[in-house]
Amino acid sequence: MKTLVLKFKTAGGSTSTLSVANAKETLTMASVQEAAAKLLPVLVSAGGAELVSLDDAYLVTTEKTLLN
């Protein structure tokens, strides 16, 4: 499974992370930046801080192995 992780800078200078499960493998940084720009006006951190910019974005791959 691929998870898209978006790390945003807050107005107070800290960071806030948003994870999106089942991300498409074909994502590009340009498409992620475009989508993040649309999200910024409506997102706030868990502590209530305004998110002001996308700081980083990456895909995390998780593999499940059954134990016998």
Protein backbone atom coordinates (compact mmCIF):
# COMPACT_ATOMS: atom_id res chain seq x y z
CA MET A 1 0.00 0.00 0.00
CA LYS A 2 1.20 3.51 -0.85
CA THR A 3 0.54 6.42 1.50
CA LEU A 4 1.08 10.01 0.44
CA VAL A 5 2.52 12.11 3.26
CA LEU A 6 2.15 15.89 3.03
CA LYS A 7 4.14 18.03 5.46
CA PHE A 8 2.90 21.62 5.79
CA LYS A 9 4.42 24.66 7.50
CA THR A 10 2.14 26.47 9.94
CA ALA A 11 1.80 30.20 10.52
CA GLY A 12 3.64 29.71 13.83
CA GLY A 13 6.67 28.12 12.18
CA SER A 14 6.02 24.51 13.17
CA THR A 15 4.94 21.68 10.86
CA SER A 16 1.82 19.59 10.48
CA THR A 17 1.51 16.29 8.59
CA LEU A 18 -1.40 14.90 6.57
CA SER A 19 -1.37 11.28 5.35
CA VAL A 20 -3.51 10.01 2.46
CA ALA A 21 -3.88 6.23 2.17
CA ASN A 22 -3.98 4.36 -1.15
CA ALA A 23 -2.19 7.08 -3.10
CA LYS A 24 -1.67 6.68 -6.84
CA GLU A 25 1.84 5.61 -7.81
CA THR A 26 1.75 8.03 -10.75
CA LEU A 27 1.68 11.19 -8.60
CA THR A 28 4.10 13.94 -9.51
CA MET A 29 5.37 16.74 -7.31
CA ALA A 30 3.64 19.24 -9.59
CA SER A 31 0.23 17.54 -9.18
CA VAL A 32 0.71 17.26 -5.42
CA GLN A 33 1.65 20.95 -5.15
CA GLU A 34 -1.42 21.91 -7.18
CA ALA A 35 -3.74 19.85 -4.97
CA ALA A 36 -2.06 21.09 -1.77
CA ALA A 37 -2.59 24.70 -2.85
CA LYS A 38 -6.32 24.00 -3.11
CA LEU A 39 -6.36 22.40 0.37
CA LEU A 40 -4.44 25.15 2.20
CA PRO A 41 -7.39 27.55 2.63
CA VAL A 42 -9.43 24.93 4.51
CA LEU A 43 -6.79 23.09 6.56
CA VAL A 44 -5.67 23.81 10.11
CA SER A 45 -3.33 21.82 12.34
CA ALA A 46 -4.59 19.69 15.23
CA GLY A 47 -3.65 22.60 17.49
CA GLY A 48 -5.65 25.06 15.40
CA ALA A 49 -2.73 26.74 13.61
CA GLU A 50 -3.21 27.95 10.03
CA LEU A 51 -1.25 25.97 7.43
CA VAL A 52 0.61 28.33 5.11
CA SER A 53 2.67 26.24 2.67
CA LEU A 54 3.59 22.74 1.56
CA ASP A 55 7.01 21.91 3.01
CA ASP A 56 7.52 18.33 1.76
CA ALA A 57 5.66 15.47 0.09
CA TYR A 58 6.61 11.81 -0.28
CA LEU A 59 5.19 8.32 -0.75
CA VAL A 60 5.56 5.64 1.92
CA THR A 61 5.26 2.00 0.84
CA THR A 62 3.93 -0.47 3.40
CA GLU A 63 4.19 -4.21 2.91
CA LYS A 64 2.23 -6.73 4.92
CA THR A 65 3.78 -10.16 5.57
CA LEU A 66 1.65 -12.87 7.08
CA LEU A 67 3.22 -14.90 9.86
CA ASN A 68 2.63 -18.64 9.85
